[in-house]
Amino acid sequence: MGWTALRVQLNTVLDAVRTYLSIQQQSLSLEEQKSSKEQLIRLVNLQELLHKLEILIVAVYMTEMARIVFEALWHEMANLLTASLYP
């Protein structure tokens, strides 16, 4: 009977240890999920920032191209006006 009681106690302790380890594993899994979610949020924010930077670069490029084109047109228009004013 002594051995049976010891075996029952041992199984009870082992069950408690397994339960504790399972809870710890679930807790760690939840922390990892939270960390992954936070990292995903940071990556999305970085992607949004890079997209805004891309838009800014395209806007600056288009503005510069428009300036070059209109500068050339204004120069041509000035030449035409000058030529039309002289008889």
Protein backbone atom coordinates (compact mmCIF):
# COMPACT_ATOMS: atom_id res chain seq x y z
CA MET A 1 0.00 0.00 0.00
CA GLY A 2 2.89 2.35 0.68
CA TRP A 3 4.09 2.06 -2.88
CA THR A 4 0.68 2.73 -4.31
CA ALA A 5 0.29 5.86 -2.22
CA LEU A 6 3.75 7.07 -3.29
CA ARG A 7 2.93 6.37 -6.93
CA VAL A 8 -0.35 8.33 -6.64
CA GLN A 9 1.50 11.24 -5.02
CA LEU A 10 4.20 11.10 -7.71
CA ASN A 11 1.56 11.15 -10.46
CA THR A 12 -0.16 14.07 -8.74
CA VAL A 13 3.12 16.01 -8.57
CA LEU A 14 3.91 15.16 -12.20
CA ASP A 15 0.44 16.32 -13.27
CA ALA A 16 0.95 19.58 -11.38
CA VAL A 17 4.35 20.08 -13.05
CA ARG A 18 2.88 19.34 -16.49
CA THR A 19 0.04 21.79 -15.83
CA TYR A 20 2.49 24.46 -14.66
CA LEU A 21 4.72 23.95 -17.71
CA SER A 22 1.70 24.06 -20.01
CA ILE A 23 0.57 27.35 -18.45
CA GLN A 24 4.09 28.77 -18.78
CA GLN A 25 4.26 27.67 -22.42
CA GLN A 26 0.90 29.30 -23.16
CA SER A 27 2.02 32.48 -21.41
CA LEU A 28 5.22 32.54 -23.46
CA SER A 29 3.22 31.91 -26.63
CA LEU A 30 0.94 34.87 -25.82
CA GLU A 31 3.97 37.10 -25.20
CA GLU A 32 5.47 36.02 -28.53
CA GLN A 33 2.19 36.77 -30.31
CA LYS A 34 2.04 40.19 -28.68
CA SER A 35 5.66 40.86 -29.66
CA SER A 36 4.96 39.72 -33.23
CA LYS A 37 1.89 41.97 -33.39
CA GLU A 38 3.90 44.96 -32.14
CA GLN A 39 6.64 44.23 -34.68
CA LEU A 40 4.03 43.99 -37.44
CA ILE A 41 2.57 47.35 -36.37
CA ARG A 42 6.05 48.92 -36.51
CA LEU A 43 6.64 47.44 -39.97
CA VAL A 44 3.30 48.77 -41.24
CA ASN A 45 4.11 52.22 -39.83
CA LEU A 46 7.52 52.10 -41.51
CA GLN A 47 5.89 51.07 -44.80
CA GLU A 48 3.46 54.01 -44.54
CA LEU A 49 6.35 56.38 -43.84
CA LEU A 50 8.30 55.07 -46.83
CA HIS A 51 5.22 55.45 -49.04
CA LYS A 52 4.85 59.09 -47.94
CA LEU A 53 8.54 59.65 -48.65
CA GLU A 54 8.09 58.11 -52.09
CA ILE A 55 5.17 60.49 -52.78
CA LEU A 56 7.30 63.44 -51.65
CA ILE A 57 10.16 62.41 -53.95
CA VAL A 58 7.79 62.04 -56.92
CA ALA A 59 6.22 65.44 -56.15
CA VAL A 60 9.64 67.12 -56.01
CA TYR A 61 10.65 65.41 -59.27
CA MET A 62 7.43 66.49 -61.02
CA THR A 63 7.80 70.05 -59.73
CA GLU A 64 11.37 70.22 -61.00
CA MET A 65 10.38 68.78 -64.39
CA ALA A 66 7.52 71.30 -64.67
CA ARG A 67 9.92 74.12 -63.78
CA ILE A 68 12.33 73.03 -66.52
CA VAL A 69 9.56 72.73 -69.13
CA PHE A 70 7.90 76.04 -68.25
CA GLU A 71 11.25 77.81 -68.08
CA ALA A 72 11.94 76.73 -71.65
CA LEU A 73 8.42 77.73 -72.73
CA TRP A 74 8.70 81.14 -71.07
CA HIS A 75 12.01 81.70 -72.81
CA GLU A 76 10.43 80.84 -76.17
CA MET A 77 7.41 83.04 -75.46
CA ALA A 78 9.71 85.92 -74.53
CA ASN A 79 11.58 85.48 -77.80
CA LEU A 80 8.31 85.42 -79.78
CA LEU A 81 7.01 88.52 -78.01
CA THR A 82 10.28 90.31 -78.57
CA ALA A 83 10.28 89.37 -82.25
CA SER A 84 6.66 90.41 -82.69
CA LEU A 85 7.27 93.81 -81.12
CA TYR A 86 10.08 94.71 -83.51
CA PRO A 87 8.90 95.70 -86.98
